[in-house]
PDB file of N, CA and C in Angstrom:
ATOM      1  N   UNK A   1       0.856  -1.165   0.000  1.00  0.00           N
ATOM      2  CA  UNK A   1       0.000   0.000   0.000  1.00  0.00           C
ATOM      3  C   UNK A   1       0.906   1.233   0.000  1.00  0.00           C
ATOM      4  N   UNK A   2       0.416   2.276  -0.627  1.00  0.00           N
ATOM      5  CA  UNK A   2       1.162   3.528  -0.672  1.00  0.00           C
ATOM      6  C   UNK A   2       0.255   4.658  -0.207  1.00  0.00           C
ATOM      7  N   UNK A   3       0.766   5.486   0.682  1.00  0.00           N
ATOM      8  CA  UNK A   3       0.039   6.646   1.177  1.00  0.00           C
ATOM      9  C   UNK A   3       0.681   7.899   0.610  1.00  0.00           C
ATOM     10  N   UNK A   4      -0.124   8.876   0.317  1.00  0.00           N
ATOM     11  CA  UNK A   4       0.385  10.140  -0.193  1.00  0.00           C
ATOM     12  C   UNK A   4       0.420  11.143   0.948  1.00  0.00           C
ATOM     13  N   UNK A   5       1.565  11.730   1.131  1.00  0.00           N
ATOM     14  CA  UNK A   5       1.774  12.738   2.157  1.00  0.00           C
ATOM     15  C   UNK A   5       2.282  13.980   1.434  1.00  0.00           C
ATOM     16  N   UNK A   6       1.331  14.845   1.043  1.00  0.00           N
ATOM     17  CA  UNK A   6       1.689  15.986   0.208  1.00  0.00           C
ATOM     18  C   UNK A   6       2.275  15.459  -1.088  1.00  0.00           C
ATOM     19  N   UNK A   7       3.453  15.960  -1.477  1.00  0.00           N
ATOM     20  CA  UNK A   7       4.059  15.494  -2.726  1.00  0.00           C
ATOM     21  C   UNK A   7       4.849  14.190  -2.566  1.00  0.00           C
ATOM     22  N   UNK A   8       4.829  13.605  -1.370  1.00  0.00           N
ATOM     23  CA  UNK A   8       5.635  12.423  -1.082  1.00  0.00           C
ATOM     24  C   UNK A   8       4.773  11.171  -1.019  1.00  0.00           C
ATOM     25  N   UNK A   9       5.355  10.068  -1.425  1.00  0.00           N
ATOM     26  CA  UNK A   9       4.707   8.764  -1.308  1.00  0.00           C
ATOM     27  C   UNK A   9       5.398   8.005  -0.182  1.00  0.00           C
ATOM     28  N   UNK A  10       4.591   7.408   0.686  1.00  0.00           N
ATOM     29  CA  UNK A  10       5.115   6.590   1.776  1.00  0.00           C
ATOM     30  C   UNK A  10       4.564   5.190   1.579  1.00  0.00           C
ATOM     31  N   UNK A  11       5.462   4.250   1.428  1.00  0.00           N
ATOM     32  CA  UNK A  11       5.069   2.857   1.187  1.00  0.00           C
ATOM     33  C   UNK A  11       4.885   2.149   2.525  1.00  0.00           C
ATOM     34  N   UNK A  12       3.766   1.453   2.670  1.00  0.00           N
ATOM     35  CA  UNK A  12       3.479   0.676   3.876  1.00  0.00           C
ATOM     36  C   UNK A  12       3.704  -0.793   3.552  1.00  0.00           C
ATOM     37  N   UNK A  13       4.615  -1.408   4.295  1.00  0.00           N
ATOM     38  CA  UNK A  13       4.963  -2.812   4.103  1.00  0.00           C
ATOM     39  C   UNK A  13       4.387  -3.611   5.259  1.00  0.00           C
ATOM     40  N   UNK A  14       3.663  -4.671   4.915  1.00  0.00           N
ATOM     41  CA  UNK A  14       3.020  -5.487   5.936  1.00  0.00           C
ATOM     42  C   UNK A  14       2.846  -6.898   5.390  1.00  0.00           C
ATOM     43  N   UNK A  15       3.681  -7.815   5.873  1.00  0.00           N
ATOM     44  CA  UNK A  15       3.610  -9.199   5.414  1.00  0.00           C
ATOM     45  C   UNK A  15       4.205 -10.103   6.495  1.00  0.00           C
ATOM     46  N   UNK A  16       4.224 -11.402   6.256  1.00  0.00           N
ATOM     47  CA  UNK A  16       4.721 -12.346   7.263  1.00  0.00           C
ATOM     48  C   UNK A  16       6.180 -12.087   7.650  1.00  0.00           C
ATOM     49  N   UNK A  17       7.014 -11.834   6.668  1.00  0.00           N
ATOM     50  CA  UNK A  17       8.431 -11.584   6.955  1.00  0.00           C
ATOM     51  C   UNK A  17       8.589 -10.332   7.813  1.00  0.00           C
ATOM     52  N   UNK A  18       7.809  -9.297   7.515  1.00  0.00           N
ATOM     53  CA  UNK A  18       7.830  -8.060   8.302  1.00  0.00           C
ATOM     54  C   UNK A  18       7.344  -8.334   9.716  1.00  0.00           C
ATOM     55  N   UNK A  19       6.282  -9.151   9.847  1.00  0.00           N
ATOM     56  CA  UNK A  19       5.763  -9.516  11.164  1.00  0.00           C
ATOM     57  C   UNK A  19       6.854 -10.126  12.033  1.00  0.00           C
ATOM     58  N   UNK A  20       7.612 -11.033  11.450  1.00  0.00           N
ATOM     59  CA  UNK A  20       8.668 -11.728  12.200  1.00  0.00           C
ATOM     60  C   UNK A  20       9.751 -10.750  12.630  1.00  0.00           C
ATOM     61  N   UNK A  21      10.210  -9.907  11.712  1.00  0.00           N
ATOM     62  CA  UNK A  21      11.268  -8.952  12.038  1.00  0.00           C
ATOM     63  C   UNK A  21      10.830  -7.973  13.123  1.00  0.00           C
ATOM     64  N   UNK A  22       9.613  -7.446  12.995  1.00  0.00           N
ATOM     65  CA  UNK A  22       9.116  -6.506  13.997  1.00  0.00           C
ATOM     66  C   UNK A  22       8.909  -7.188  15.342  1.00  0.00           C
ATOM     67  N   UNK A  23       8.375  -8.405  15.337  1.00  0.00           N
ATOM     68  CA  UNK A  23       8.156  -9.137  16.587  1.00  0.00           C
ATOM     69  C   UNK A  23       9.473  -9.414  17.298  1.00  0.00           C
ATOM     70  N   UNK A  24      10.506  -9.742  16.533  1.00  0.00           N
ATOM     71  CA  UNK A  24      11.824  -9.991  17.130  1.00  0.00           C
ATOM     72  C   UNK A  24      12.345  -8.753  17.855  1.00  0.00           C
ATOM     73  N   UNK A  25      12.010  -7.568  17.322  1.00  0.00           N
ATOM     74  CA  UNK A  25      12.443  -6.313  17.934  1.00  0.00           C
ATOM     75  C   UNK A  25      11.453  -5.810  18.988  1.00  0.00           C
ATOM     76  N   UNK A  26      10.321  -6.506  19.117  1.00  0.00           N
ATOM     77  CA  UNK A  26       9.306  -6.098  20.088  1.00  0.00           C
ATOM     78  C   UNK A  26       8.508  -4.880  19.649  1.00  0.00           C
ATOM     79  N   UNK A  27       8.376  -4.686  18.338  1.00  0.00           N
ATOM     80  CA  UNK A  27       7.654  -3.534  17.802  1.00  0.00           C
ATOM     81  C   UNK A  27       6.416  -3.961  17.014  1.00  0.00           C
ATOM     82  N   UNK A  28       5.439  -3.067  17.001  1.00  0.00           N
ATOM     83  CA  UNK A  28       4.266  -3.278  16.154  1.00  0.00           C
ATOM     84  C   UNK A  28       4.448  -2.616  14.795  1.00  0.00           C
ATOM     85  N   UNK A  29       5.329  -1.632  14.741  1.00  0.00           N
ATOM     86  CA  UNK A  29       5.625  -0.930  13.502  1.00  0.00           C
ATOM     87  C   UNK A  29       6.873  -0.098  13.658  1.00  0.00           C
ATOM     88  N   UNK A  30       7.405   0.349  12.542  1.00  0.00           N
ATOM     89  CA  UNK A  30       8.529   1.281  12.558  1.00  0.00           C
ATOM     90  C   UNK A  30       8.576   2.026  11.236  1.00  0.00           C
ATOM     91  N   UNK A  31       9.473   2.997  11.156  1.00  0.00           N
ATOM     92  CA  UNK A  31       9.564   3.850   9.972  1.00  0.00           C
ATOM     93  C   UNK A  31      10.998   4.036   9.538  1.00  0.00           C
ATOM     94  N   UNK A  32      11.154   4.190   8.251  1.00  0.00           N
ATOM     95  CA  UNK A  32      12.407   4.667   7.677  1.00  0.00           C
ATOM     96  C   UNK A  32      12.024   5.933   6.919  1.00  0.00           C
ATOM     97  N   UNK A  33      12.162   7.079   7.598  1.00  0.00           N
ATOM     98  CA  UNK A  33      11.686   8.335   7.011  1.00  0.00           C
ATOM     99  C   UNK A  33      12.516   8.762   5.813  1.00  0.00           C
ATOM    100  N   UNK A  34      13.752   8.380   5.769  1.00  0.00           N
ATOM    101  CA  UNK A  34      14.599   8.769   4.637  1.00  0.00           C
ATOM    102  C   UNK A  34      14.247   7.987   3.363  1.00  0.00           C
ATOM    103  N   UNK A  35      13.820   6.741   3.529  1.00  0.00           N
ATOM    104  CA  UNK A  35      13.438   5.907   2.382  1.00  0.00           C
ATOM    105  C   UNK A  35      11.939   5.945   2.104  1.00  0.00           C
ATOM    106  N   UNK A  36      11.166   6.581   2.983  1.00  0.00           N
ATOM    107  CA  UNK A  36       9.721   6.674   2.774  1.00  0.00           C
ATOM    108  C   UNK A  36       8.999   5.357   2.955  1.00  0.00           C
ATOM    109  N   UNK A  37       9.374   4.624   4.015  1.00  0.00           N
ATOM    110  CA  UNK A  37       8.782   3.305   4.251  1.00  0.00           C
ATOM    111  C   UNK A  37       8.268   3.210   5.688  1.00  0.00           C
ATOM    112  N   UNK A  38       7.086   2.632   5.817  1.00  0.00           N
ATOM    113  CA  UNK A  38       6.526   2.273   7.117  1.00  0.00           C
ATOM    114  C   UNK A  38       6.348   0.765   7.105  1.00  0.00           C
ATOM    115  N   UNK A  39       6.802   0.110   8.174  1.00  0.00           N
ATOM    116  CA  UNK A  39       6.543  -1.323   8.330  1.00  0.00           C
ATOM    117  C   UNK A  39       5.557  -1.487   9.477  1.00  0.00           C
ATOM    118  N   UNK A  40       4.543  -2.297   9.280  1.00  0.00           N
ATOM    119  CA  UNK A  40       3.542  -2.543  10.319  1.00  0.00           C
ATOM    120  C   UNK A  40       3.160  -4.017  10.302  1.00  0.00           C
ATOM    121  N   UNK A  41       2.956  -4.566  11.501  1.00  0.00           N
ATOM    122  CA  UNK A  41       2.583  -5.980  11.600  1.00  0.00           C
ATOM    123  C   UNK A  41       1.199  -6.210  11.017  1.00  0.00           C
ATOM    124  N   UNK A  42       1.090  -7.248  10.213  1.00  0.00           N
ATOM    125  CA  UNK A  42      -0.183  -7.566   9.560  1.00  0.00           C
ATOM    126  C   UNK A  42      -1.150  -8.288  10.482  1.00  0.00           C
ATOM    127  N   UNK A  43      -0.658  -8.791  11.616  1.00  0.00           N
ATOM    128  CA  UNK A  43      -1.508  -9.560  12.524  1.00  0.00           C
ATOM    129  C   UNK A  43      -2.206  -8.704  13.584  1.00  0.00           C
ATOM    130  N   UNK A  44      -2.098  -7.382  13.465  1.00  0.00           N
ATOM    131  CA  UNK A  44      -2.780  -6.487  14.399  1.00  0.00           C
ATOM    132  C   UNK A  44      -4.240  -6.343  13.993  1.00  0.00           C
ATOM    133  N   UNK A  45      -5.110  -6.101  14.992  1.00  0.00           N
ATOM    134  CA  UNK A  45      -6.505  -5.859  14.625  1.00  0.00           C
ATOM    135  C   UNK A  45      -6.582  -4.534  13.873  1.00  0.00           C
ATOM    136  N   UNK A  46      -7.684  -4.349  13.162  1.00  0.00           N
ATOM    137  CA  UNK A  46      -7.833  -3.219  12.245  1.00  0.00           C
ATOM    138  C   UNK A  46      -7.596  -1.867  12.932  1.00  0.00           C
ATOM    139  N   UNK A  47      -8.198  -1.655  14.091  1.00  0.00           N
ATOM    140  CA  UNK A  47      -8.071  -0.368  14.790  1.00  0.00           C
ATOM    141  C   UNK A  47      -6.628  -0.121  15.232  1.00  0.00           C
ATOM    142  N   UNK A  48      -5.975  -1.147  15.766  1.00  0.00           N
ATOM    143  CA  UNK A  48      -4.592  -0.988  16.222  1.00  0.00           C
ATOM    144  C   UNK A  48      -3.664  -0.768  15.038  1.00  0.00           C
ATOM    145  N   UNK A  49      -3.891  -1.492  13.965  1.00  0.00           N
ATOM    146  CA  UNK A  49      -3.076  -1.337  12.754  1.00  0.00           C
ATOM    147  C   UNK A  49      -3.176   0.090  12.230  1.00  0.00           C
ATOM    148  N   UNK A  50      -4.396   0.632  12.203  1.00  0.00           N
ATOM    149  CA  UNK A  50      -4.613   2.001  11.744  1.00  0.00           C
ATOM    150  C   UNK A  50      -3.853   2.982  12.638  1.00  0.00           C
ATOM    151  N   UNK A  51      -3.929   2.782  13.956  1.00  0.00           N
ATOM    152  CA  UNK A  51      -3.234   3.689  14.869  1.00  0.00           C
ATOM    153  C   UNK A  51      -1.717   3.608  14.698  1.00  0.00           C
ATOM    154  N   UNK A  52      -1.187   2.415  14.499  1.00  0.00           N
ATOM    155  CA  UNK A  52       0.261   2.260  14.297  1.00  0.00           C
ATOM    156  C   UNK A  52       0.690   2.949  13.007  1.00  0.00           C
ATOM    157  N   UNK A  53      -0.092   2.811  11.943  1.00  0.00           N
ATOM    158  CA  UNK A  53       0.248   3.478  10.685  1.00  0.00           C
ATOM    159  C   UNK A  53       0.232   4.994  10.871  1.00  0.00           C
ATOM    160  N   UNK A  54      -0.789   5.521  11.547  1.00  0.00           N
ATOM    161  CA  UNK A  54      -0.843   6.968  11.812  1.00  0.00           C
ATOM    162  C   UNK A  54       0.368   7.394  12.641  1.00  0.00           C
ATOM    163  N   UNK A  55       0.686   6.624  13.664  1.00  0.00           N
ATOM    164  CA  UNK A  55       1.850   6.921  14.512  1.00  0.00           C
ATOM    165  C   UNK A  55       3.113   7.021  13.661  1.00  0.00           C
ATOM    166  N   UNK A  56       3.326   6.021  12.828  1.00  0.00           N
ATOM    167  CA  UNK A  56       4.532   6.017  12.001  1.00  0.00           C
ATOM    168  C   UNK A  56       4.495   7.120  10.948  1.00  0.00           C
ATOM    169  N   UNK A  57       3.323   7.407  10.415  1.00  0.00           N
ATOM    170  CA  UNK A  57       3.181   8.499   9.455  1.00  0.00           C
ATOM    171  C   UNK A  57       3.536   9.837  10.098  1.00  0.00           C
ATOM    172  N   UNK A  58       3.195   9.998  11.360  1.00  0.00           N
ATOM    173  CA  UNK A  58       3.564  11.229  12.074  1.00  0.00           C
ATOM    174  C   UNK A  58       5.079  11.377  12.194  1.00  0.00           C
ATOM    175  N   UNK A  59       5.800  10.279  12.297  1.00  0.00           N
ATOM    176  CA  UNK A  59       7.273  10.369  12.281  1.00  0.00           C
ATOM    177  C   UNK A  59       7.742  10.988  10.961  1.00  0.00           C
ATOM    178  N   UNK A  60       7.082  10.632   9.865  1.00  0.00           N
ATOM    179  CA  UNK A  60       7.425  11.203   8.558  1.00  0.00           C
ATOM    180  C   UNK A  60       7.092  12.697   8.528  1.00  0.00           C
ATOM    181  N   UNK A  61       5.962  13.078   9.093  1.00  0.00           N
ATOM    182  CA  UNK A  61       5.574  14.492   9.140  1.00  0.00           C
ATOM    183  C   UNK A  61       6.601  15.285   9.947  1.00  0.00           C
ATOM    184  N   UNK A  62       7.000  14.771  11.094  1.00  0.00           N
ATOM    185  CA  UNK A  62       7.998  15.450  11.924  1.00  0.00           C
ATOM    186  C   UNK A  62       9.290  15.628  11.133  1.00  0.00           C
ATOM    187  N   UNK A  63       9.676  14.603  10.402  1.00  0.00           N
ATOM    188  CA  UNK A  63      10.893  14.684   9.582  1.00  0.00           C
ATOM    189  C   UNK A  63      10.748  15.732   8.473  1.00  0.00           C
ATOM    190  N   UNK A  64       9.635  15.694   7.760  1.00  0.00           N
ATOM    191  CA  UNK A  64       9.434  16.605   6.633  1.00  0.00           C
ATOM    192  C   UNK A  64       9.293  18.060   7.056  1.00  0.00           C
ATOM    193  N   UNK A  65       8.784  18.292   8.249  1.00  0.00           N
ATOM    194  CA  UNK A  65       8.614  19.663   8.735  1.00  0.00           C
ATOM    195  C   UNK A  65       9.839  20.153   9.495  1.00  0.00           C
ATOM    196  N   UNK A  66      10.840  19.316   9.602  1.00  0.00           N
ATOM    197  CA  UNK A  66      12.101  19.647  10.265  1.00  0.00           C
ATOM    198  C   UNK A  66      11.950  19.871  11.766  1.00  0.00           C
ATOM    199  N   UNK A  67      10.836  19.389  12.331  1.00  0.00           N
ATOM    200  CA  UNK A  67      10.662  19.482  13.777  1.00  0.00           C
ATOM    201  C   UNK A  67      11.615  18.551  14.515  1.00  0.00           C
ATOM    202  N   UNK A  68      12.110  17.543  13.823  1.00  0.00           N
ATOM    203  CA  UNK A  68      13.039  16.620  14.479  1.00  0.00           C
ATOM    204  C   UNK A  68      14.307  17.342  14.943  1.00  0.00           C
ATOM    205  N   UNK A  69      14.654  18.443  14.293  1.00  0.00           N
ATOM    206  CA  UNK A  69      15.827  19.217  14.708  1.00  0.00           C
ATOM    207  C   UNK A  69      15.540  20.037  15.970  1.00  0.00           C
ATOM    208  N   UNK A  70      14.267  20.294  16.248  1.00  0.00           N
ATOM    209  CA  UNK A  70      13.886  21.099  17.401  1.00  0.00           C
ATOM    210  C   UNK A  70      13.540  20.260  18.621  1.00  0.00           C
ATOM    211  N   UNK A  71      13.152  18.984  18.391  1.00  0.00           N
ATOM    212  CA  UNK A  71      12.732  18.105  19.481  1.00  0.00           C
ATOM    213  C   UNK A  71      13.709  16.949  19.629  1.00  0.00           C
ATOM    214  N   UNK A  72      13.949  16.556  20.850  1.00  0.00           N
ATOM    215  CA  UNK A  72      14.748  15.348  21.088  1.00  0.00           C
ATOM    216  C   UNK A  72      13.921  14.139  20.653  1.00  0.00           C
ATOM    217  N   UNK A  73      14.563  12.989  20.556  1.00  0.00           N
ATOM    218  CA  UNK A  73      13.841  11.767  20.190  1.00  0.00           C
ATOM    219  C   UNK A  73      12.706  11.488  21.182  1.00  0.00           C
ATOM    220  N   UNK A  74      12.979  11.692  22.466  1.00  0.00           N
ATOM    221  CA  UNK A  74      11.953  11.463  23.487  1.00  0.00           C
ATOM    222  C   UNK A  74      10.787  12.435  23.344  1.00  0.00           C
ATOM    223  N   UNK A  75      11.084  13.692  23.033  1.00  0.00           N
ATOM    224  CA  UNK A  75      10.015  14.680  22.844  1.00  0.00           C
ATOM    225  C   UNK A  75       9.173  14.348  21.614  1.00  0.00           C
ATOM    226  N   UNK A  76       9.834  13.954  20.544  1.00  0.00           N
ATOM    227  CA  UNK A  76       9.102  13.557  19.336  1.00  0.00           C
ATOM    228  C   UNK A  76       8.155  12.410  19.644  1.00  0.00           C
ATOM    229  N   UNK A  77       8.681  11.403  20.324  1.00  0.00           N
ATOM    230  CA  UNK A  77       7.869  10.221  20.622  1.00  0.00           C
ATOM    231  C   UNK A  77       6.696  10.578  21.538  1.00  0.00           C
ATOM    232  N   UNK A  78       6.921  11.450  22.487  1.00  0.00           N
ATOM    233  CA  UNK A  78       5.848  11.875  23.390  1.00  0.00           C
ATOM    234  C   UNK A  78       4.715  12.566  22.628  1.00  0.00           C
ATOM    235  N   UNK A  79       5.067  13.474  21.726  1.00  0.00           N
ATOM    236  CA  UNK A  79       4.066  14.188  20.927  1.00  0.00           C
ATOM    237  C   UNK A  79       3.327  13.213  20.010  1.00  0.00           C
ATOM    238  N   UNK A  80       4.055  12.347  19.354  1.00  0.00           N
ATOM    239  CA  UNK A  80       3.448  11.397  18.420  1.00  0.00           C
ATOM    240  C   UNK A  80       2.533  10.425  19.148  1.00  0.00           C
ATOM    241  N   UNK A  81       2.967   9.938  20.298  1.00  0.00           N
ATOM    242  CA  UNK A  81       2.107   9.027  21.078  1.00  0.00           C
ATOM    243  C   UNK A  81       0.836   9.721  21.556  1.00  0.00           C
ATOM    244  N   UNK A  82       0.936  11.005  21.826  1.00  0.00           N
ATOM    245  CA  UNK A  82      -0.250  11.746  22.267  1.00  0.00           C
ATOM    246  C   UNK A  82      -1.218  11.998  21.112  1.00  0.00           C
ATOM    247  N   UNK A  83      -0.700  12.268  19.924  1.00  0.00           N
ATOM    248  CA  UNK A  83      -1.550  12.620  18.784  1.00  0.00           C
ATOM    249  C   UNK A  83      -2.123  11.425  18.024  1.00  0.00           C
ATOM    250  N   UNK A  84      -1.358  10.368  17.882  1.00  0.00           N
ATOM    251  CA  UNK A  84      -1.767   9.285  16.985  1.00  0.00           C
ATOM    252  C   UNK A  84      -3.101   8.623  17.342  1.00  0.00           C
ATOM    253  N   UNK A  85      -3.441   8.366  18.614  1.00  0.00           N
ATOM    254  CA  UNK A  85      -4.748   7.750  18.870  1.00  0.00           C
ATOM    255  C   UNK A  85      -5.909   8.652  18.455  1.00  0.00           C
ATOM    256  N   UNK A  86      -5.746   9.950  18.658  1.00  0.00           N
ATOM    257  CA  UNK A  86      -6.799  10.901  18.286  1.00  0.00           C
ATOM    258  C   UNK A  86      -6.963  10.999  16.784  1.00  0.00           C
ATOM    259  N   UNK A  87      -5.854  11.075  16.077  1.00  0.00           N
ATOM    260  CA  UNK A  87      -5.924  11.148  14.621  1.00  0.00           C
ATOM    261  C   UNK A  87      -6.454   9.853  14.022  1.00  0.00           C
ATOM    262  N   UNK A  88      -6.102   8.731  14.616  1.00  0.00           N
ATOM    263  CA  UNK A  88      -6.574   7.438  14.098  1.00  0.00           C
ATOM    264  C   UNK A  88      -8.093   7.326  14.174  1.00  0.00           C
ATOM    265  N   UNK A  89      -8.707   8.019  15.113  1.00  0.00           N
ATOM    266  CA  UNK A  89     -10.171   7.982  15.228  1.00  0.00           C
ATOM    267  C   UNK A  89     -10.856   8.737  14.089  1.00  0.00           C
ATOM    268  N   UNK A  90     -10.140   9.639  13.429  1.00  0.00           N
ATOM    269  CA  UNK A  90     -10.743  10.449  12.380  1.00  0.00           C
ATOM    270  C   UNK A  90     -10.468   9.946  10.975  1.00  0.00           C
ATOM    271  N   UNK A  91      -9.567   8.987  10.851  1.00  0.00           N
ATOM    272  CA  UNK A  91      -9.172   8.473   9.539  1.00  0.00           C
ATOM    273  C   UNK A  91     -10.185   7.438   9.081  1.00  0.00           C
ATOM    274  N   UNK A  92     -10.585   7.522   7.835  1.00  0.00           N
ATOM    275  CA  UNK A  92     -11.522   6.566   7.256  1.00  0.00           C
ATOM    276  C   UNK A  92     -10.861   5.189   7.214  1.00  0.00           C
ATOM    277  N   UNK A  93     -11.443   4.196   7.902  1.00  0.00           N
ATOM    278  CA  UNK A  93     -10.834   2.867   7.925  1.00  0.00           C
ATOM    279  C   UNK A  93     -10.615   2.266   6.545  1.00  0.00           C
ATOM    280  N   UNK A  94     -11.393   2.657   5.554  1.00  0.00           N
ATOM    281  CA  UNK A  94     -11.218   2.114   4.211  1.00  0.00           C
ATOM    282  C   UNK A  94      -9.845   2.451   3.646  1.00  0.00           C
ATOM    283  N   UNK A  95      -9.236   3.511   4.157  1.00  0.00           N
ATOM    284  CA  UNK A  95      -7.905   3.917   3.702  1.00  0.00           C
ATOM    285  C   UNK A  95      -6.886   2.814   3.960  1.00  0.00           C
ATOM    286  N   UNK A  96      -7.099   2.016   5.004  1.00  0.00           N
ATOM    287  CA  UNK A  96      -6.115   1.035   5.421  1.00  0.00           C
ATOM    288  C   UNK A  96      -6.528  -0.400   5.152  1.00  0.00           C
ATOM    289  N   UNK A  97      -7.574  -0.599   4.375  1.00  0.00           N
ATOM    290  CA  UNK A  97      -8.004  -1.968   4.059  1.00  0.00           C
ATOM    291  C   UNK A  97      -7.138  -2.582   2.997  1.00  0.00           C
TER     292      UNK A  97
END
């Protein structure tokens, strides 16, 4: 799946191999903002999967807006964790089917 973030495309990868790699690291998802990739476990329920994708997408937004230079990693994560559940409630679930 590919998401459009302004003029940028962010590819969402979710398959068995990704599930194994993320589970080994103890993560439900992660991002490579420089390569434009989000990895998310495919075995998550729909609502949790949507929230993880939004969470990881926010990492891309922070990178693109250059806020990462103003916030420490901990501050970024705190803001993203606070925003992602709220934003996930407003996103059309069909976007992530």
